């Protein structure tokens, strides 16, 4: 019987490759999301609607925090990510106001 040895460097490389692939997915998802919010920004600017909808954002964030807990993610981390995304969305929307 041939015994194969475990090489942690091979496993580490495999895991890092998977992480890198997920990072690419994250960037693509963000790009897709910002394309959608660009369309929302154009619509809001055309009809002079407010850039932010605090009630909708709060409700959606609570939904995301629940999903985060189910996924065993820190809801505070998810809140930080959501806040950063929303801050960028508002900045992007402001470009349509001028």
PDB file of N, CA and C in Angstrom:
ATOM      1  N   UNK A   1       0.845  -1.183   0.000  1.00  0.00           N
ATOM      2  CA  UNK A   1       0.000   0.000   0.000  1.00  0.00           C
ATOM      3  C   UNK A   1       0.892   1.250   0.000  1.00  0.00           C
ATOM      4  N   UNK A   2       0.625   2.138  -0.942  1.00  0.00           N
ATOM      5  CA  UNK A   2       1.379   3.384  -1.031  1.00  0.00           C
ATOM      6  C   UNK A   2       0.681   4.418  -0.162  1.00  0.00           C
ATOM      7  N   UNK A   3       1.470   4.994   0.702  1.00  0.00           N
ATOM      8  CA  UNK A   3       0.904   6.000   1.601  1.00  0.00           C
ATOM      9  C   UNK A   3       1.229   7.394   1.063  1.00  0.00           C
ATOM     10  N   UNK A   4       0.190   8.174   0.864  1.00  0.00           N
ATOM     11  CA  UNK A   4       0.389   9.530   0.380  1.00  0.00           C
ATOM     12  C   UNK A   4       0.610  10.436   1.581  1.00  0.00           C
ATOM     13  N   UNK A   5       1.517  11.371   1.416  1.00  0.00           N
ATOM     14  CA  UNK A   5       1.756  12.299   2.512  1.00  0.00           C
ATOM     15  C   UNK A   5       0.941  13.572   2.292  1.00  0.00           C
ATOM     16  N   UNK A   6       0.568  14.160   3.377  1.00  0.00           N
ATOM     17  CA  UNK A   6      -0.218  15.395   3.341  1.00  0.00           C
ATOM     18  C   UNK A   6       0.739  16.554   3.212  1.00  0.00           C
ATOM     19  N   UNK A   7       0.469  17.419   2.263  1.00  0.00           N
ATOM     20  CA  UNK A   7       1.306  18.601   2.060  1.00  0.00           C
ATOM     21  C   UNK A   7       0.464  19.834   2.365  1.00  0.00           C
ATOM     22  N   UNK A   8       0.696  20.456   3.515  1.00  0.00           N
ATOM     23  CA  UNK A   8      -0.107  21.635   3.861  1.00  0.00           C
ATOM     24  C   UNK A   8       0.078  22.787   2.874  1.00  0.00           C
ATOM     25  N   UNK A   9       1.215  22.868   2.224  1.00  0.00           N
ATOM     26  CA  UNK A   9       1.429  23.943   1.247  1.00  0.00           C
ATOM     27  C   UNK A   9       0.489  23.785   0.057  1.00  0.00           C
ATOM     28  N   UNK A  10       0.242  22.552  -0.355  1.00  0.00           N
ATOM     29  CA  UNK A  10      -0.685  22.296  -1.455  1.00  0.00           C
ATOM     30  C   UNK A  10      -2.104  22.679  -1.042  1.00  0.00           C
ATOM     31  N   UNK A  11      -2.472  22.277   0.169  1.00  0.00           N
ATOM     32  CA  UNK A  11      -3.809  22.622   0.676  1.00  0.00           C
ATOM     33  C   UNK A  11      -3.961  24.137   0.822  1.00  0.00           C
ATOM     34  N   UNK A  12      -2.929  24.796   1.329  1.00  0.00           N
ATOM     35  CA  UNK A  12      -2.958  26.247   1.480  1.00  0.00           C
ATOM     36  C   UNK A  12      -3.126  26.931   0.124  1.00  0.00           C
ATOM     37  N   UNK A  13      -2.407  26.466  -0.870  1.00  0.00           N
ATOM     38  CA  UNK A  13      -2.527  27.037  -2.215  1.00  0.00           C
ATOM     39  C   UNK A  13      -3.933  26.831  -2.766  1.00  0.00           C
ATOM     40  N   UNK A  14      -4.502  25.645  -2.535  1.00  0.00           N
ATOM     41  CA  UNK A  14      -5.857  25.358  -3.008  1.00  0.00           C
ATOM     42  C   UNK A  14      -6.869  26.271  -2.326  1.00  0.00           C
ATOM     43  N   UNK A  15      -6.730  26.434  -1.027  1.00  0.00           N
ATOM     44  CA  UNK A  15      -7.657  27.308  -0.292  1.00  0.00           C
ATOM     45  C   UNK A  15      -7.519  28.760  -0.741  1.00  0.00           C
ATOM     46  N   UNK A  16      -6.298  29.208  -0.927  1.00  0.00           N
ATOM     47  CA  UNK A  16      -6.091  30.588  -1.377  1.00  0.00           C
ATOM     48  C   UNK A  16      -6.657  30.812  -2.768  1.00  0.00           C
ATOM     49  N   UNK A  17      -6.547  29.825  -3.618  1.00  0.00           N
ATOM     50  CA  UNK A  17      -7.129  29.925  -4.958  1.00  0.00           C
ATOM     51  C   UNK A  17      -8.644  30.081  -4.865  1.00  0.00           C
ATOM     52  N   UNK A  18      -9.263  29.341  -3.963  1.00  0.00           N
ATOM     53  CA  UNK A  18     -10.714  29.468  -3.754  1.00  0.00           C
ATOM     54  C   UNK A  18     -11.073  30.835  -3.197  1.00  0.00           C
ATOM     55  N   UNK A  19     -10.268  31.331  -2.275  1.00  0.00           N
ATOM     56  CA  UNK A  19     -10.507  32.668  -1.711  1.00  0.00           C
ATOM     57  C   UNK A  19     -10.388  33.726  -2.812  1.00  0.00           C
ATOM     58  N   UNK A  20      -9.354  33.618  -3.626  1.00  0.00           N
ATOM     59  CA  UNK A  20      -9.169  34.577  -4.722  1.00  0.00           C
ATOM     60  C   UNK A  20     -10.363  34.560  -5.673  1.00  0.00           C
ATOM     61  N   UNK A  21     -10.891  33.382  -5.946  1.00  0.00           N
ATOM     62  CA  UNK A  21     -12.064  33.270  -6.820  1.00  0.00           C
ATOM     63  C   UNK A  21     -13.269  33.959  -6.185  1.00  0.00           C
ATOM     64  N   UNK A  22     -13.443  33.812  -4.875  1.00  0.00           N
ATOM     65  CA  UNK A  22     -14.551  34.478  -4.183  1.00  0.00           C
ATOM     66  C   UNK A  22     -14.378  35.986  -4.203  1.00  0.00           C
ATOM     67  N   UNK A  23     -13.126  36.456  -4.108  1.00  0.00           N
ATOM     68  CA  UNK A  23     -12.874  37.900  -4.194  1.00  0.00           C
ATOM     69  C   UNK A  23     -13.297  38.441  -5.554  1.00  0.00           C
ATOM     70  N   UNK A  24     -13.009  37.683  -6.611  1.00  0.00           N
ATOM     71  CA  UNK A  24     -13.435  38.088  -7.950  1.00  0.00           C
ATOM     72  C   UNK A  24     -14.966  38.131  -8.012  1.00  0.00           C
ATOM     73  N   UNK A  25     -15.618  37.132  -7.430  1.00  0.00           N
ATOM     74  CA  UNK A  25     -17.083  37.114  -7.385  1.00  0.00           C
ATOM     75  C   UNK A  25     -17.614  38.334  -6.652  1.00  0.00           C
ATOM     76  N   UNK A  26     -16.996  38.678  -5.521  1.00  0.00           N
ATOM     77  CA  UNK A  26     -17.437  39.852  -4.758  1.00  0.00           C
ATOM     78  C   UNK A  26     -17.357  41.118  -5.602  1.00  0.00           C
ATOM     79  N   UNK A  27     -16.255  41.295  -6.297  1.00  0.00           N
ATOM     80  CA  UNK A  27     -16.086  42.495  -7.128  1.00  0.00           C
ATOM     81  C   UNK A  27     -17.140  42.520  -8.228  1.00  0.00           C
ATOM     82  N   UNK A  28     -17.391  41.380  -8.845  1.00  0.00           N
ATOM     83  CA  UNK A  28     -18.398  41.333  -9.914  1.00  0.00           C
ATOM     84  C   UNK A  28     -19.803  41.597  -9.375  1.00  0.00           C
ATOM     85  N   UNK A  29     -20.110  41.070  -8.210  1.00  0.00           N
ATOM     86  CA  UNK A  29     -21.418  41.328  -7.597  1.00  0.00           C
ATOM     87  C   UNK A  29     -21.547  42.814  -7.264  1.00  0.00           C
ATOM     88  N   UNK A  30     -20.492  43.404  -6.718  1.00  0.00           N
ATOM     89  CA  UNK A  30     -20.535  44.837  -6.421  1.00  0.00           C
ATOM     90  C   UNK A  30     -20.724  45.656  -7.700  1.00  0.00           C
ATOM     91  N   UNK A  31     -20.018  45.292  -8.749  1.00  0.00           N
ATOM     92  CA  UNK A  31     -20.164  46.018 -10.016  1.00  0.00           C
ATOM     93  C   UNK A  31     -21.597  45.918 -10.525  1.00  0.00           C
ATOM     94  N   UNK A  32     -22.181  44.742 -10.434  1.00  0.00           N
ATOM     95  CA  UNK A  32     -23.562  44.544 -10.868  1.00  0.00           C
ATOM     96  C   UNK A  32     -24.519  45.366 -10.004  1.00  0.00           C
ATOM     97  N   UNK A  33     -24.284  45.344  -8.697  1.00  0.00           N
ATOM     98  CA  UNK A  33     -25.136  46.113  -7.782  1.00  0.00           C
ATOM     99  C   UNK A  33     -25.048  47.608  -8.088  1.00  0.00           C
ATOM    100  N   UNK A  34     -23.830  48.108  -8.301  1.00  0.00           N
ATOM    101  CA  UNK A  34     -23.673  49.530  -8.574  1.00  0.00           C
ATOM    102  C   UNK A  34     -24.255  49.917  -9.928  1.00  0.00           C
ATOM    103  N   UNK A  35     -24.274  49.012 -10.864  1.00  0.00           N
ATOM    104  CA  UNK A  35     -24.939  49.294 -12.141  1.00  0.00           C
ATOM    105  C   UNK A  35     -26.441  49.484 -11.909  1.00  0.00           C
ATOM    106  N   UNK A  36     -27.014  48.636 -11.072  1.00  0.00           N
ATOM    107  CA  UNK A  36     -28.444  48.776 -10.757  1.00  0.00           C
ATOM    108  C   UNK A  36     -28.714  50.068 -10.000  1.00  0.00           C
ATOM    109  N   UNK A  37     -27.857  50.383  -9.029  1.00  0.00           N
ATOM    110  CA  UNK A  37     -28.086  51.611  -8.263  1.00  0.00           C
ATOM    111  C   UNK A  37     -27.816  52.852  -9.112  1.00  0.00           C
ATOM    112  N   UNK A  38     -26.974  52.713 -10.156  1.00  0.00           N
ATOM    113  CA  UNK A  38     -26.791  53.834 -11.085  1.00  0.00           C
ATOM    114  C   UNK A  38     -28.112  54.144 -11.772  1.00  0.00           C
ATOM    115  N   UNK A  39     -28.817  53.087 -12.180  1.00  0.00           N
ATOM    116  CA  UNK A  39     -30.112  53.268 -12.821  1.00  0.00           C
ATOM    117  C   UNK A  39     -31.111  53.892 -11.849  1.00  0.00           C
ATOM    118  N   UNK A  40     -31.070  53.468 -10.606  1.00  0.00           N
ATOM    119  CA  UNK A  40     -31.937  54.062  -9.579  1.00  0.00           C
ATOM    120  C   UNK A  40     -31.597  55.547  -9.414  1.00  0.00           C
ATOM    121  N   UNK A  41     -30.304  55.856  -9.372  1.00  0.00           N
ATOM    122  CA  UNK A  41     -29.874  57.247  -9.226  1.00  0.00           C
ATOM    123  C   UNK A  41     -30.347  58.119 -10.368  1.00  0.00           C
ATOM    124  N   UNK A  42     -30.262  57.595 -11.571  1.00  0.00           N
ATOM    125  CA  UNK A  42     -30.738  58.360 -12.733  1.00  0.00           C
ATOM    126  C   UNK A  42     -32.238  58.607 -12.638  1.00  0.00           C
ATOM    127  N   UNK A  43     -32.978  57.590 -12.222  1.00  0.00           N
ATOM    128  CA  UNK A  43     -34.428  57.718 -12.070  1.00  0.00           C
ATOM    129  C   UNK A  43     -34.768  58.743 -10.992  1.00  0.00           C
ATOM    130  N   UNK A  44     -34.072  58.654  -9.853  1.00  0.00           N
ATOM    131  CA  UNK A  44     -34.331  59.604  -8.768  1.00  0.00           C
ATOM    132  C   UNK A  44     -34.007  61.031  -9.195  1.00  0.00           C
ATOM    133  N   UNK A  45     -32.912  61.202  -9.925  1.00  0.00           N
ATOM    134  CA  UNK A  45     -32.540  62.539 -10.377  1.00  0.00           C
ATOM    135  C   UNK A  45     -33.563  63.080 -11.374  1.00  0.00           C
ATOM    136  N   UNK A  46     -34.017  62.229 -12.279  1.00  0.00           N
ATOM    137  CA  UNK A  46     -34.983  62.649 -13.299  1.00  0.00           C
ATOM    138  C   UNK A  46     -36.267  63.150 -12.656  1.00  0.00           C
ATOM    139  N   UNK A  47     -36.687  62.494 -11.577  1.00  0.00           N
ATOM    140  CA  UNK A  47     -37.956  62.855 -10.941  1.00  0.00           C
ATOM    141  C   UNK A  47     -37.764  63.577  -9.612  1.00  0.00           C
ATOM    142  N   UNK A  48     -36.543  64.057  -9.387  1.00  0.00           N
ATOM    143  CA  UNK A  48     -36.203  64.852  -8.194  1.00  0.00           C
ATOM    144  C   UNK A  48     -36.613  64.138  -6.895  1.00  0.00           C
ATOM    145  N   UNK A  49     -36.292  62.869  -6.823  1.00  0.00           N
ATOM    146  CA  UNK A  49     -36.560  62.072  -5.619  1.00  0.00           C
ATOM    147  C   UNK A  49     -35.340  62.128  -4.705  1.00  0.00           C
ATOM    148  N   UNK A  50     -35.531  61.962  -3.401  1.00  0.00           N
ATOM    149  CA  UNK A  50     -34.390  62.013  -2.477  1.00  0.00           C
ATOM    150  C   UNK A  50     -33.386  60.896  -2.757  1.00  0.00           C
ATOM    151  N   UNK A  51     -32.101  61.209  -2.528  1.00  0.00           N
ATOM    152  CA  UNK A  51     -31.034  60.240  -2.771  1.00  0.00           C
ATOM    153  C   UNK A  51     -31.113  59.073  -1.794  1.00  0.00           C
ATOM    154  N   UNK A  52     -31.606  59.316  -0.594  1.00  0.00           N
ATOM    155  CA  UNK A  52     -31.676  58.267   0.422  1.00  0.00           C
ATOM    156  C   UNK A  52     -33.126  57.977   0.792  1.00  0.00           C
ATOM    157  N   UNK A  53     -33.350  56.729   1.197  1.00  0.00           N
ATOM    158  CA  UNK A  53     -34.652  56.289   1.702  1.00  0.00           C
ATOM    159  C   UNK A  53     -34.380  55.571   3.024  1.00  0.00           C
ATOM    160  N   UNK A  54     -34.245  56.347   4.115  1.00  0.00           N
ATOM    161  CA  UNK A  54     -33.821  55.766   5.392  1.00  0.00           C
ATOM    162  C   UNK A  54     -34.701  54.613   5.892  1.00  0.00           C
ATOM    163  N   UNK A  55     -35.999  54.699   5.700  1.00  0.00           N
ATOM    164  CA  UNK A  55     -36.886  53.630   6.169  1.00  0.00           C
ATOM    165  C   UNK A  55     -36.610  52.335   5.411  1.00  0.00           C
ATOM    166  N   UNK A  56     -36.485  52.422   4.104  1.00  0.00           N
ATOM    167  CA  UNK A  56     -36.203  51.235   3.300  1.00  0.00           C
ATOM    168  C   UNK A  56     -34.838  50.655   3.658  1.00  0.00           C
ATOM    169  N   UNK A  57     -33.836  51.538   3.810  1.00  0.00           N
ATOM    170  CA  UNK A  57     -32.495  51.079   4.145  1.00  0.00           C
ATOM    171  C   UNK A  57     -32.471  50.359   5.492  1.00  0.00           C
ATOM    172  N   UNK A  58     -33.167  50.916   6.494  1.00  0.00           N
ATOM    173  CA  UNK A  58     -33.196  50.299   7.824  1.00  0.00           C
ATOM    174  C   UNK A  58     -33.863  48.928   7.777  1.00  0.00           C
ATOM    175  N   UNK A  59     -34.967  48.847   7.060  1.00  0.00           N
ATOM    176  CA  UNK A  59     -35.681  47.570   6.941  1.00  0.00           C
ATOM    177  C   UNK A  59     -34.814  46.531   6.220  1.00  0.00           C
ATOM    178  N   UNK A  60     -34.175  46.946   5.145  1.00  0.00           N
ATOM    179  CA  UNK A  60     -33.329  46.023   4.387  1.00  0.00           C
ATOM    180  C   UNK A  60     -32.124  45.585   5.215  1.00  0.00           C
ATOM    181  N   UNK A  61     -31.533  46.519   5.958  1.00  0.00           N
ATOM    182  CA  UNK A  61     -30.378  46.179   6.794  1.00  0.00           C
ATOM    183  C   UNK A  61     -30.758  45.157   7.858  1.00  0.00           C
ATOM    184  N   UNK A  62     -31.912  45.317   8.465  1.00  0.00           N
ATOM    185  CA  UNK A  62     -32.350  44.325   9.462  1.00  0.00           C
ATOM    186  C   UNK A  62     -32.518  42.955   8.817  1.00  0.00           C
ATOM    187  N   UNK A  63     -33.034  42.930   7.608  1.00  0.00           N
ATOM    188  CA  UNK A  63     -33.157  41.673   6.870  1.00  0.00           C
ATOM    189  C   UNK A  63     -31.775  41.050   6.637  1.00  0.00           C
ATOM    190  N   UNK A  64     -30.821  41.872   6.208  1.00  0.00           N
ATOM    191  CA  UNK A  64     -29.467  41.385   5.952  1.00  0.00           C
ATOM    192  C   UNK A  64     -28.790  40.906   7.235  1.00  0.00           C
ATOM    193  N   UNK A  65     -29.030  41.603   8.335  1.00  0.00           N
ATOM    194  CA  UNK A  65     -28.446  41.182   9.618  1.00  0.00           C
ATOM    195  C   UNK A  65     -28.986  39.810  10.028  1.00  0.00           C
ATOM    196  N   UNK A  66     -30.260  39.573   9.767  1.00  0.00           N
ATOM    197  CA  UNK A  66     -30.837  38.264  10.058  1.00  0.00           C
ATOM    198  C   UNK A  66     -30.188  37.171   9.221  1.00  0.00           C
ATOM    199  N   UNK A  67     -29.989  37.464   7.944  1.00  0.00           N
ATOM    200  CA  UNK A  67     -29.322  36.505   7.071  1.00  0.00           C
ATOM    201  C   UNK A  67     -27.897  36.267   7.548  1.00  0.00           C
ATOM    202  N   UNK A  68     -27.233  37.330   7.963  1.00  0.00           N
ATOM    203  CA  UNK A  68     -25.861  37.203   8.463  1.00  0.00           C
ATOM    204  C   UNK A  68     -25.807  36.264   9.664  1.00  0.00           C
ATOM    205  N   UNK A  69     -26.732  36.426  10.587  1.00  0.00           N
ATOM    206  CA  UNK A  69     -26.737  35.562  11.770  1.00  0.00           C
ATOM    207  C   UNK A  69     -26.983  34.108  11.379  1.00  0.00           C
ATOM    208  N   UNK A  70     -27.900  33.885  10.443  1.00  0.00           N
ATOM    209  CA  UNK A  70     -28.155  32.524   9.966  1.00  0.00           C
ATOM    210  C   UNK A  70     -26.910  31.924   9.315  1.00  0.00           C
ATOM    211  N   UNK A  71     -26.119  32.774   8.669  1.00  0.00           N
ATOM    212  CA  UNK A  71     -24.912  32.324   7.974  1.00  0.00           C
ATOM    213  C   UNK A  71     -23.687  32.316   8.893  1.00  0.00           C
ATOM    214  N   UNK A  72     -23.904  32.594  10.156  1.00  0.00           N
ATOM    215  CA  UNK A  72     -22.833  32.638  11.156  1.00  0.00           C
ATOM    216  C   UNK A  72     -21.790  33.703  10.836  1.00  0.00           C
ATOM    217  N   UNK A  73     -22.290  34.854  10.345  1.00  0.00           N
ATOM    218  CA  UNK A  73     -21.466  36.038  10.132  1.00  0.00           C
ATOM    219  C   UNK A  73     -21.818  37.059  11.203  1.00  0.00           C
ATOM    220  N   UNK A  74     -20.849  37.859  11.564  1.00  0.00           N
ATOM    221  CA  UNK A  74     -21.077  38.920  12.542  1.00  0.00           C
ATOM    222  C   UNK A  74     -21.989  39.976  11.917  1.00  0.00           C
ATOM    223  N   UNK A  75     -23.182  40.197  12.495  1.00  0.00           N
ATOM    224  CA  UNK A  75     -24.089  41.194  11.913  1.00  0.00           C
ATOM    225  C   UNK A  75     -23.504  42.605  11.927  1.00  0.00           C
ATOM    226  N   UNK A  76     -22.612  42.894  12.862  1.00  0.00           N
ATOM    227  CA  UNK A  76     -21.974  44.213  12.880  1.00  0.00           C
ATOM    228  C   UNK A  76     -21.040  44.369  11.684  1.00  0.00           C
ATOM    229  N   UNK A  77     -20.373  43.309  11.311  1.00  0.00           N
ATOM    230  CA  UNK A  77     -19.530  43.346  10.118  1.00  0.00           C
ATOM    231  C   UNK A  77     -20.395  43.609   8.884  1.00  0.00           C
ATOM    232  N   UNK A  78     -21.507  42.898   8.775  1.00  0.00           N
ATOM    233  CA  UNK A  78     -22.416  43.074   7.644  1.00  0.00           C
ATOM    234  C   UNK A  78     -22.958  44.505   7.623  1.00  0.00           C
ATOM    235  N   UNK A  79     -23.249  45.049   8.789  1.00  0.00           N
ATOM    236  CA  UNK A  79     -23.699  46.441   8.876  1.00  0.00           C
ATOM    237  C   UNK A  79     -22.635  47.377   8.330  1.00  0.00           C
ATOM    238  N   UNK A  80     -21.382  47.141   8.693  1.00  0.00           N
ATOM    239  CA  UNK A  80     -20.292  47.981   8.195  1.00  0.00           C
ATOM    240  C   UNK A  80     -20.155  47.915   6.684  1.00  0.00           C
ATOM    241  N   UNK A  81     -20.264  46.714   6.142  1.00  0.00           N
ATOM    242  CA  UNK A  81     -20.190  46.546   4.689  1.00  0.00           C
ATOM    243  C   UNK A  81     -21.359  47.270   4.029  1.00  0.00           C
ATOM    244  N   UNK A  82     -22.565  47.072   4.561  1.00  0.00           N
ATOM    245  CA  UNK A  82     -23.757  47.718   4.008  1.00  0.00           C
ATOM    246  C   UNK A  82     -23.619  49.241   4.065  1.00  0.00           C
ATOM    247  N   UNK A  83     -23.142  49.752   5.200  1.00  0.00           N
ATOM    248  CA  UNK A  83     -22.959  51.200   5.338  1.00  0.00           C
ATOM    249  C   UNK A  83     -21.973  51.735   4.299  1.00  0.00           C
ATOM    250  N   UNK A  84     -20.878  51.003   4.074  1.00  0.00           N
ATOM    251  CA  UNK A  84     -19.880  51.432   3.086  1.00  0.00           C
ATOM    252  C   UNK A  84     -20.478  51.415   1.684  1.00  0.00           C
ATOM    253  N   UNK A  85     -21.225  50.388   1.360  1.00  0.00           N
ATOM    254  CA  UNK A  85     -21.859  50.297   0.040  1.00  0.00           C
ATOM    255  C   UNK A  85     -22.854  51.437  -0.129  1.00  0.00           C
ATOM    256  N   UNK A  86     -23.673  51.666   0.878  1.00  0.00           N
ATOM    257  CA  UNK A  86     -24.687  52.718   0.767  1.00  0.00           C
ATOM    258  C   UNK A  86     -24.053  54.104   0.674  1.00  0.00           C
ATOM    259  N   UNK A  87     -22.966  54.332   1.372  1.00  0.00           N
ATOM    260  CA  UNK A  87     -22.280  55.622   1.281  1.00  0.00           C
ATOM    261  C   UNK A  87     -21.789  55.849  -0.150  1.00  0.00           C
ATOM    262  N   UNK A  88     -21.273  54.808  -0.774  1.00  0.00           N
ATOM    263  CA  UNK A  88     -20.819  54.931  -2.158  1.00  0.00           C
ATOM    264  C   UNK A  88     -21.993  55.150  -3.100  1.00  0.00           C
ATOM    265  N   UNK A  89     -23.093  54.489  -2.841  1.00  0.00           N
ATOM    266  CA  UNK A  89     -24.291  54.663  -3.674  1.00  0.00           C
ATOM    267  C   UNK A  89     -24.740  56.122  -3.633  1.00  0.00           C
ATOM    268  N   UNK A  90     -24.789  56.708  -2.439  1.00  0.00           N
ATOM    269  CA  UNK A  90     -25.218  58.104  -2.315  1.00  0.00           C
ATOM    270  C   UNK A  90     -24.249  59.019  -3.063  1.00  0.00           C
ATOM    271  N   UNK A  91     -22.953  58.761  -2.934  1.00  0.00           N
ATOM    272  CA  UNK A  91     -21.981  59.561  -3.693  1.00  0.00           C
ATOM    273  C   UNK A  91     -22.218  59.432  -5.189  1.00  0.00           C
ATOM    274  N   UNK A  92     -22.467  58.220  -5.635  1.00  0.00           N
ATOM    275  CA  UNK A  92     -22.735  57.994  -7.051  1.00  0.00           C
ATOM    276  C   UNK A  92     -24.007  58.711  -7.493  1.00  0.00           C
ATOM    277  N   UNK A  93     -25.029  58.685  -6.653  1.00  0.00           N
ATOM    278  CA  UNK A  93     -26.295  59.339  -7.007  1.00  0.00           C
ATOM    279  C   UNK A  93     -26.131  60.853  -7.092  1.00  0.00           C
ATOM    280  N   UNK A  94     -25.255  61.403  -6.280  1.00  0.00           N
ATOM    281  CA  UNK A  94     -25.076  62.846  -6.278  1.00  0.00           C
ATOM    282  C   UNK A  94     -24.528  63.352  -7.608  1.00  0.00           C
ATOM    283  N   UNK A  95     -23.835  62.511  -8.346  1.00  0.00           N
ATOM    284  CA  UNK A  95     -23.311  62.944  -9.640  1.00  0.00           C
ATOM    285  C   UNK A  95     -24.423  63.235 -10.624  1.00  0.00           C
ATOM    286  N   UNK A  96     -25.601  62.653 -10.412  1.00  0.00           N
ATOM    287  CA  UNK A  96     -26.732  62.898 -11.311  1.00  0.00           C
ATOM    288  C   UNK A  96     -27.471  64.182 -10.967  1.00  0.00           C
ATOM    289  N   UNK A  97     -27.125  64.790  -9.867  1.00  0.00           N
ATOM    290  CA  UNK A  97     -27.818  66.006  -9.414  1.00  0.00           C
ATOM    291  C   UNK A  97     -27.229  67.265 -10.036  1.00  0.00           C
ATOM    292  N   UNK A  98     -26.095  67.127 -10.679  1.00  0.00           N
ATOM    293  CA  UNK A  98     -25.416  68.340 -11.186  1.00  0.00           C
ATOM    294  C   UNK A  98     -25.461  68.420 -12.682  1.00  0.00           C
TER     295      UNK A  98
END
